[in-house]
Amino acid sequence: MRFTIFERLTFGYLVIMLLVVFLGGYVSLKLNQLLRLTQSVAAAEEEMIRPIENLLDMVFSQVGFEKKYVISKDPDFYGRFLELEDQVTKALEDLEGFTATGTEENLIFQAMDLKDNLLNLLRYQKGMELFGGCAGYGCSAAFNFMAVLSDGEAHACRKFPSLIGNVFKQSISEIYDSEIARRYRSGCRAKECQSCPIRPVCGGCLAIAHSFGLNVFEERDPYCFMNRVGITS
């Protein structure tokens, strides 16, 4: 049995129409699934982001009170600093219930990284577990990052001039393994720092020392308040 041209064209159009209808339905189904997934993710992210934003606000306030106390020696500022330390600790404990995925855990770790390493002085005083900032060992200069400028200069820290090489003249590994880079990684060699019980996770901030015109390798971070909280080196 042979079909006429008209019958064959009609059959072809019907097949094409059925395929279009099927594909349209399939696409609509997948788009609805994607929409539901997006809505659920957005709801979860909103639930996660709100407490993190509150935590960041407390951290920034805590750092502000720390600086005010260092400058003014006003005990009220120190009292507010301690109050916020307890609030930050509680906020971190509340966030533990959200760490269902690696992404959410990373968000929490990013928030914790904003805490100054000097807060370990209070954590040590209270017998709490210490944290090591983004590097895990205190200052990250020439450790897990470096700053590279447009002219190729590589600096140990992005916050102050700390030249350790030039990527146009040396490889990254050569710069990283250089003597000057190792010197920055070793941090401050001040007597108080070398014998400090929290030295492995602190070392102060070389950039702060530089901003005060100090020798970053020999004079400790002027914001260090270890003596004022009864910690002796």
C-alpha atoms as a PDB file:
ATOM      1  CA  MET A   1       0.000   0.000   0.000  1.00  0.00           C
ATOM      2  CA  ARG A   2       1.452   3.288  -1.100  1.00  0.00           C
ATOM      3  CA  PHE A   3       0.634   6.635   0.512  1.00  0.00           C
ATOM      4  CA  THR A   4       0.025   9.723  -1.491  1.00  0.00           C
ATOM      5  CA  ILE A   5       2.227  12.764  -1.034  1.00  0.00           C
ATOM      6  CA  PHE A   6      -0.593  14.527   0.799  1.00  0.00           C
ATOM      7  CA  GLU A   7      -1.015  11.602   3.223  1.00  0.00           C
ATOM      8  CA  ARG A   8       2.704  11.439   3.879  1.00  0.00           C
ATOM      9  CA  LEU A   9       2.872  15.188   4.540  1.00  0.00           C
ATOM     10  CA  THR A  10      -0.131  14.976   6.875  1.00  0.00           C
ATOM     11  CA  PHE A  11       1.424  12.074   8.762  1.00  0.00           C
ATOM     12  CA  GLY A  12       4.717  13.957   9.058  1.00  0.00           C
ATOM     13  CA  TYR A  13       3.017  17.078  10.427  1.00  0.00           C
ATOM     14  CA  LEU A  14       1.121  14.975  12.964  1.00  0.00           C
ATOM     15  CA  VAL A  15       4.361  13.368  14.160  1.00  0.00           C
ATOM     16  CA  ILE A  16       6.018  16.782  14.459  1.00  0.00           C
ATOM     17  CA  MET A  17       3.031  18.194  16.385  1.00  0.00           C
ATOM     18  CA  LEU A  18       3.073  15.238  18.775  1.00  0.00           C
ATOM     19  CA  LEU A  19       6.798  15.713  19.367  1.00  0.00           C
ATOM     20  CA  VAL A  20       6.288  19.435  20.028  1.00  0.00           C
ATOM     21  CA  VAL A  21       3.471  18.720  22.497  1.00  0.00           C
ATOM     22  CA  PHE A  22       5.528  16.038  24.232  1.00  0.00           C
ATOM     23  CA  LEU A  23       8.621  18.229  24.460  1.00  0.00           C
ATOM     24  CA  GLY A  24       6.533  21.177  25.671  1.00  0.00           C
ATOM     25  CA  GLY A  25       5.063  19.079  28.448  1.00  0.00           C
ATOM     26  CA  TYR A  26       8.470  17.680  29.387  1.00  0.00           C
ATOM     27  CA  VAL A  27      10.034  21.146  29.495  1.00  0.00           C
ATOM     28  CA  SER A  28       7.144  22.490  31.585  1.00  0.00           C
ATOM     29  CA  LEU A  29       7.550  19.616  34.038  1.00  0.00           C
ATOM     30  CA  LYS A  30      11.297  20.229  34.394  1.00  0.00           C
ATOM     31  CA  LEU A  31      10.808  23.985  34.755  1.00  0.00           C
ATOM     32  CA  ASN A  32       8.308  23.393  37.565  1.00  0.00           C
ATOM     33  CA  GLN A  33      10.773  21.062  39.286  1.00  0.00           C
ATOM     34  CA  LEU A  34      13.526  23.669  38.892  1.00  0.00           C
ATOM     35  CA  LEU A  35      11.241  26.372  40.263  1.00  0.00           C
ATOM     36  CA  ARG A  36      10.398  24.300  43.341  1.00  0.00           C
ATOM     37  CA  LEU A  37      14.068  23.501  43.871  1.00  0.00           C
ATOM     38  CA  THR A  38      15.039  27.165  43.509  1.00  0.00           C
ATOM     39  CA  GLN A  39      12.362  28.220  45.980  1.00  0.00           C
ATOM     40  CA  SER A  40      13.493  25.636  48.533  1.00  0.00           C
ATOM     41  CA  VAL A  41      17.149  26.661  48.126  1.00  0.00           C
ATOM     42  CA  ALA A  42      16.249  30.345  48.453  1.00  0.00           C
ATOM     43  CA  ALA A  43      14.272  29.649  51.629  1.00  0.00           C
ATOM     44  CA  ALA A  44      17.163  27.647  53.102  1.00  0.00           C
ATOM     45  CA  GLU A  45      19.706  30.312  52.149  1.00  0.00           C
ATOM     46  CA  GLU A  46      17.580  33.053  53.688  1.00  0.00           C
ATOM     47  CA  GLU A  47      17.309  31.052  56.899  1.00  0.00           C
ATOM     48  CA  MET A  48      21.088  30.580  56.867  1.00  0.00           C
ATOM     49  CA  ILE A  49      22.151  34.088  55.833  1.00  0.00           C
ATOM     50  CA  ARG A  50      20.150  35.967  58.483  1.00  0.00           C
ATOM     51  CA  PRO A  51      21.979  34.493  61.514  1.00  0.00           C
ATOM     52  CA  ILE A  52      25.332  34.829  59.714  1.00  0.00           C
ATOM     53  CA  GLU A  53      24.670  38.525  59.097  1.00  0.00           C
ATOM     54  CA  ASN A  54      23.836  38.944  62.791  1.00  0.00           C
ATOM     55  CA  LEU A  55      27.039  37.104  63.683  1.00  0.00           C
ATOM     56  CA  LEU A  56      29.112  39.373  61.450  1.00  0.00           C
ATOM     57  CA  ASP A  57      27.540  42.456  63.039  1.00  0.00           C
ATOM     58  CA  MET A  58      28.527  41.179  66.477  1.00  0.00           C
ATOM     59  CA  VAL A  59      32.064  40.369  65.316  1.00  0.00           C
ATOM     60  CA  PHE A  60      32.603  43.828  63.851  1.00  0.00           C
ATOM     61  CA  SER A  61      31.196  45.417  67.009  1.00  0.00           C
ATOM     62  CA  GLN A  62      33.511  43.272  69.105  1.00  0.00           C
ATOM     63  CA  VAL A  63      36.566  44.341  67.120  1.00  0.00           C
ATOM     64  CA  GLY A  64      35.439  47.962  67.484  1.00  0.00           C
ATOM     65  CA  PHE A  65      35.217  47.697  71.277  1.00  0.00           C
ATOM     66  CA  GLU A  66      38.599  45.981  71.331  1.00  0.00           C
ATOM     67  CA  LYS A  67      40.223  48.908  69.518  1.00  0.00           C
ATOM     68  CA  LYS A  68      38.437  51.467  71.719  1.00  0.00           C
ATOM     69  CA  TYR A  69      39.666  49.684  74.840  1.00  0.00           C
ATOM     70  CA  VAL A  70      43.249  49.518  73.549  1.00  0.00           C
ATOM     71  CA  ILE A  71      43.204  53.262  72.879  1.00  0.00           C
ATOM     72  CA  SER A  72      41.228  54.535  75.880  1.00  0.00           C
ATOM     73  CA  LYS A  73      41.814  51.777  78.502  1.00  0.00           C
ATOM     74  CA  ASP A  74      38.174  52.342  79.490  1.00  0.00           C
ATOM     75  CA  PRO A  75      37.002  49.191  81.364  1.00  0.00           C
ATOM     76  CA  ASP A  76      33.462  49.681  80.025  1.00  0.00           C
ATOM     77  CA  PHE A  77      34.712  48.933  76.523  1.00  0.00           C
ATOM     78  CA  TYR A  78      36.447  45.808  77.798  1.00  0.00           C
ATOM     79  CA  GLY A  79      33.204  44.763  79.514  1.00  0.00           C
ATOM     80  CA  ARG A  80      31.248  45.146  76.262  1.00  0.00           C
ATOM     81  CA  PHE A  81      33.982  43.183  74.487  1.00  0.00           C
ATOM     82  CA  LEU A  82      33.513  40.251  76.894  1.00  0.00           C
ATOM     83  CA  GLU A  83      29.724  40.403  76.578  1.00  0.00           C
ATOM     84  CA  LEU A  84      29.968  40.195  72.812  1.00  0.00           C
ATOM     85  CA  GLU A  85      32.418  37.283  73.089  1.00  0.00           C
ATOM     86  CA  ASP A  86      29.717  35.280  74.893  1.00  0.00           C
ATOM     87  CA  GLN A  87      27.118  36.319  72.316  1.00  0.00           C
ATOM     88  CA  VAL A  88      29.385  35.334  69.430  1.00  0.00           C
ATOM     89  CA  THR A  89      30.042  31.936  71.014  1.00  0.00           C
ATOM     90  CA  LYS A  90      26.309  31.328  71.460  1.00  0.00           C
ATOM     91  CA  ALA A  91      25.623  32.456  67.871  1.00  0.00           C
ATOM     92  CA  LEU A  92      28.201  29.981  66.565  1.00  0.00           C
ATOM     93  CA  GLU A  93      26.591  27.198  68.587  1.00  0.00           C
ATOM     94  CA  ASP A  94      23.177  28.121  67.174  1.00  0.00           C
ATOM     95  CA  LEU A  95      24.588  27.906  63.655  1.00  0.00           C
ATOM     96  CA  GLU A  96      25.745  24.324  64.129  1.00  0.00           C
ATOM     97  CA  GLY A  97      22.268  23.090  63.245  1.00  0.00           C
ATOM     98  CA  PHE A  98      22.548  24.634  59.801  1.00  0.00           C
ATOM     99  CA  THR A  99      25.747  22.872  58.739  1.00  0.00           C
ATOM    100  CA  ALA A 100      24.059  20.208  56.635  1.00  0.00           C
ATOM    101  CA  THR A 101      26.146  20.885  53.529  1.00  0.00           C
ATOM    102  CA  GLY A 102      29.726  21.776  52.764  1.00  0.00           C
ATOM    103  CA  THR A 103      28.622  25.121  51.323  1.00  0.00           C
ATOM    104  CA  GLU A 104      26.902  26.125  54.554  1.00  0.00           C
ATOM    105  CA  GLU A 105      29.918  25.051  56.603  1.00  0.00           C
ATOM    106  CA  ASN A 106      32.142  27.213  54.402  1.00  0.00           C
ATOM    107  CA  LEU A 107      29.870  30.207  55.040  1.00  0.00           C
ATOM    108  CA  ILE A 108      30.265  29.755  58.773  1.00  0.00           C
ATOM    109  CA  PHE A 109      34.034  29.367  58.481  1.00  0.00           C
ATOM    110  CA  GLN A 110      34.168  32.574  56.409  1.00  0.00           C
ATOM    111  CA  ALA A 111      32.335  34.387  59.179  1.00  0.00           C
ATOM    112  CA  MET A 112      34.729  32.970  61.781  1.00  0.00           C
ATOM    113  CA  ASP A 113      37.730  34.032  59.697  1.00  0.00           C
ATOM    114  CA  LEU A 114      36.720  37.663  60.253  1.00  0.00           C
ATOM    115  CA  LYS A 115      37.433  37.303  63.964  1.00  0.00           C
ATOM    116  CA  ASP A 116      40.778  38.772  64.906  1.00  0.00           C
ATOM    117  CA  ASN A 117      43.296  36.167  66.065  1.00  0.00           C
ATOM    118  CA  LEU A 118      43.797  38.176  69.230  1.00  0.00           C
ATOM    119  CA  LEU A 119      40.379  36.975  70.385  1.00  0.00           C
ATOM    120  CA  ASN A 120      42.194  33.734  71.142  1.00  0.00           C
ATOM    121  CA  LEU A 121      43.593  35.500  74.210  1.00  0.00           C
ATOM    122  CA  LEU A 122      40.119  35.502  75.726  1.00  0.00           C
ATOM    123  CA  ARG A 123      39.346  32.001  74.515  1.00  0.00           C
ATOM    124  CA  TYR A 124      42.587  30.760  76.109  1.00  0.00           C
ATOM    125  CA  GLN A 125      41.748  32.599  79.327  1.00  0.00           C
ATOM    126  CA  LYS A 126      38.338  30.872  79.437  1.00  0.00           C
ATOM    127  CA  GLY A 127      39.723  27.449  78.560  1.00  0.00           C
ATOM    128  CA  MET A 128      37.921  27.449  75.211  1.00  0.00           C
ATOM    129  CA  GLU A 129      39.146  25.800  72.011  1.00  0.00           C
ATOM    130  CA  LEU A 130      41.389  28.101  69.979  1.00  0.00           C
ATOM    131  CA  PHE A 131      40.964  28.866  66.287  1.00  0.00           C
ATOM    132  CA  GLY A 132      43.642  29.778  63.779  1.00  0.00           C
ATOM    133  CA  GLY A 133      41.924  32.140  61.346  1.00  0.00           C
ATOM    134  CA  CYS A 134      41.932  31.514  57.611  1.00  0.00           C
ATOM    135  CA  ALA A 135      45.384  29.886  57.611  1.00  0.00           C
ATOM    136  CA  GLY A 136      44.848  27.718  60.651  1.00  0.00           C
ATOM    137  CA  TYR A 137      48.094  29.032  62.166  1.00  0.00           C
ATOM    138  CA  GLY A 138      47.355  32.698  62.753  1.00  0.00           C
ATOM    139  CA  CYS A 139      48.758  35.191  60.239  1.00  0.00           C
ATOM    140  CA  SER A 140      48.399  34.085  56.606  1.00  0.00           C
ATOM    141  CA  ALA A 141      51.133  36.326  55.142  1.00  0.00           C
ATOM    142  CA  ALA A 142      53.031  34.340  52.461  1.00  0.00           C
ATOM    143  CA  PHE A 143      51.369  31.228  53.870  1.00  0.00           C
ATOM    144  CA  ASN A 144      48.123  30.526  52.030  1.00  0.00           C
ATOM    145  CA  PHE A 145      47.991  33.687  49.928  1.00  0.00           C
ATOM    146  CA  MET A 146      50.073  36.474  48.454  1.00  0.00           C
ATOM    147  CA  ALA A 147      49.208  39.751  46.736  1.00  0.00           C
ATOM    148  CA  VAL A 148      50.348  40.201  43.124  1.00  0.00           C
ATOM    149  CA  LEU A 149      50.425  43.688  41.574  1.00  0.00           C
ATOM    150  CA  SER A 150      50.104  44.622  37.904  1.00  0.00           C
ATOM    151  CA  ASP A 151      53.873  45.053  37.554  1.00  0.00           C
ATOM    152  CA  GLY A 152      54.409  41.497  38.800  1.00  0.00           C
ATOM    153  CA  GLU A 153      55.453  42.362  42.339  1.00  0.00           C
ATOM    154  CA  ALA A 154      54.416  39.705  44.842  1.00  0.00           C
ATOM    155  CA  HIS A 155      53.786  40.775  48.435  1.00  0.00           C
ATOM    156  CA  ALA A 156      53.387  38.547  51.469  1.00  0.00           C
ATOM    157  CA  CYS A 157      50.337  40.530  52.628  1.00  0.00           C
ATOM    158  CA  ARG A 158      47.836  42.633  50.711  1.00  0.00           C
ATOM    159  CA  LYS A 159      47.564  45.131  53.579  1.00  0.00           C
ATOM    160  CA  PHE A 160      51.083  46.569  53.645  1.00  0.00           C
ATOM    161  CA  PRO A 161      54.256  46.646  51.493  1.00  0.00           C
ATOM    162  CA  SER A 162      55.850  43.241  51.955  1.00  0.00           C
ATOM    163  CA  LEU A 163      57.769  42.445  48.767  1.00  0.00           C
ATOM    164  CA  ILE A 164      58.845  38.826  48.410  1.00  0.00           C
ATOM    165  CA  GLY A 165      59.463  38.539  44.660  1.00  0.00           C
ATOM    166  CA  ASN A 166      58.203  39.209  41.137  1.00  0.00           C
ATOM    167  CA  VAL A 167      56.098  36.747  39.129  1.00  0.00           C
ATOM    168  CA  PHE A 168      57.605  38.050  35.875  1.00  0.00           C
ATOM    169  CA  LYS A 169      61.052  37.010  37.017  1.00  0.00           C
ATOM    170  CA  GLN A 170      60.355  34.022  39.281  1.00  0.00           C
ATOM    171  CA  SER A 171      57.918  31.165  39.491  1.00  0.00           C
ATOM    172  CA  ILE A 172      55.288  31.090  42.227  1.00  0.00           C
ATOM    173  CA  SER A 173      57.036  28.151  43.887  1.00  0.00           C
ATOM    174  CA  GLU A 174      60.365  29.998  43.858  1.00  0.00           C
ATOM    175  CA  ILE A 175      58.750  33.035  45.471  1.00  0.00           C
ATOM    176  CA  TYR A 176      56.917  30.904  48.028  1.00  0.00           C
ATOM    177  CA  ASP A 177      60.072  29.004  49.001  1.00  0.00           C
ATOM    178  CA  SER A 178      62.286  32.105  49.107  1.00  0.00           C
ATOM    179  CA  GLU A 179      64.074  33.151  52.297  1.00  0.00           C
ATOM    180  CA  ILE A 180      62.093  36.386  52.609  1.00  0.00           C
ATOM    181  CA  ALA A 181      58.766  34.550  52.215  1.00  0.00           C
ATOM    182  CA  ARG A 182      59.787  32.084  54.929  1.00  0.00           C
ATOM    183  CA  ARG A 183      60.693  35.029  57.120  1.00  0.00           C
ATOM    184  CA  TYR A 184      57.189  36.485  56.753  1.00  0.00           C
ATOM    185  CA  ARG A 185      55.658  33.070  57.443  1.00  0.00           C
ATOM    186  CA  SER A 186      57.640  32.806  60.670  1.00  0.00           C
ATOM    187  CA  GLY A 187      55.914  36.007  61.815  1.00  0.00           C
ATOM    188  CA  CYS A 188      57.011  38.229  64.654  1.00  0.00           C
ATOM    189  CA  ARG A 189      60.099  37.115  66.571  1.00  0.00           C
ATOM    190  CA  ALA A 190      59.502  39.395  69.546  1.00  0.00           C
ATOM    191  CA  LYS A 191      60.313  37.704  72.852  1.00  0.00           C
ATOM    192  CA  GLU A 192      56.721  38.033  74.058  1.00  0.00           C
ATOM    193  CA  CYS A 193      55.412  36.312  70.905  1.00  0.00           C
ATOM    194  CA  GLN A 194      57.901  33.476  70.817  1.00  0.00           C
ATOM    195  CA  SER A 195      57.074  32.341  74.351  1.00  0.00           C
ATOM    196  CA  CYS A 196      53.340  33.122  74.203  1.00  0.00           C
ATOM    197  CA  PRO A 197      51.119  30.054  74.863  1.00  0.00           C
ATOM    198  CA  ILE A 198      48.840  30.876  71.908  1.00  0.00           C
ATOM    199  CA  ARG A 199      51.691  31.652  69.465  1.00  0.00           C
ATOM    200  CA  PRO A 200      50.918  28.652  67.166  1.00  0.00           C
ATOM    201  CA  VAL A 201      47.496  30.141  66.279  1.00  0.00           C
ATOM    202  CA  CYS A 202      48.260  33.850  66.536  1.00  0.00           C
ATOM    203  CA  GLY A 203      51.433  35.837  66.022  1.00  0.00           C
ATOM    204  CA  GLY A 204      49.491  39.077  65.902  1.00  0.00           C
ATOM    205  CA  CYS A 205      49.077  41.121  62.733  1.00  0.00           C
ATOM    206  CA  LEU A 206      52.167  42.237  60.832  1.00  0.00           C
ATOM    207  CA  ALA A 207      50.142  44.849  58.946  1.00  0.00           C
ATOM    208  CA  ILE A 208      49.026  46.505  62.192  1.00  0.00           C
ATOM    209  CA  ALA A 209      52.608  46.581  63.452  1.00  0.00           C
ATOM    210  CA  HIS A 210      53.705  48.163  60.166  1.00  0.00           C
ATOM    211  CA  SER A 211      50.963  50.804  60.395  1.00  0.00           C
ATOM    212  CA  PHE A 212      52.454  51.860  63.759  1.00  0.00           C
ATOM    213  CA  GLY A 213      55.912  52.183  62.198  1.00  0.00           C
ATOM    214  CA  LEU A 214      57.238  49.121  64.008  1.00  0.00           C
ATOM    215  CA  ASN A 215      59.653  46.437  62.832  1.00  0.00           C
ATOM    216  CA  VAL A 216      57.177  43.734  61.868  1.00  0.00           C
ATOM    217  CA  PHE A 217      59.687  40.953  62.506  1.00  0.00           C
ATOM    218  CA  GLU A 218      60.957  42.131  65.874  1.00  0.00           C
ATOM    219  CA  GLU A 219      58.137  44.127  67.528  1.00  0.00           C
ATOM    220  CA  ARG A 220      54.801  42.592  68.371  1.00  0.00           C
ATOM    221  CA  ASP A 221      51.338  43.709  67.354  1.00  0.00           C
ATOM    222  CA  PRO A 222      50.579  46.798  69.505  1.00  0.00           C
ATOM    223  CA  TYR A 223      46.958  45.666  69.845  1.00  0.00           C
ATOM    224  CA  CYS A 224      48.011  42.561  71.736  1.00  0.00           C
ATOM    225  CA  PHE A 225      46.494  42.710  75.234  1.00  0.00           C
ATOM    226  CA  MET A 226      47.851  39.461  76.687  1.00  0.00           C
ATOM    227  CA  ASN A 227      49.244  41.186  79.793  1.00  0.00           C
ATOM    228  CA  ARG A 228      45.937  42.911  80.516  1.00  0.00           C
ATOM    229  CA  VAL A 229      44.068  39.595  80.694  1.00  0.00           C
ATOM    230  CA  GLY A 230      46.650  37.966  82.950  1.00  0.00           C
ATOM    231  CA  ILE A 231      48.437  35.855  80.307  1.00  0.00           C
ATOM    232  CA  THR A 232      52.187  35.847  80.709  1.00  0.00           C
ATOM    233  CA  SER A 233      54.731  34.687  78.148  1.00  0.00           C
END
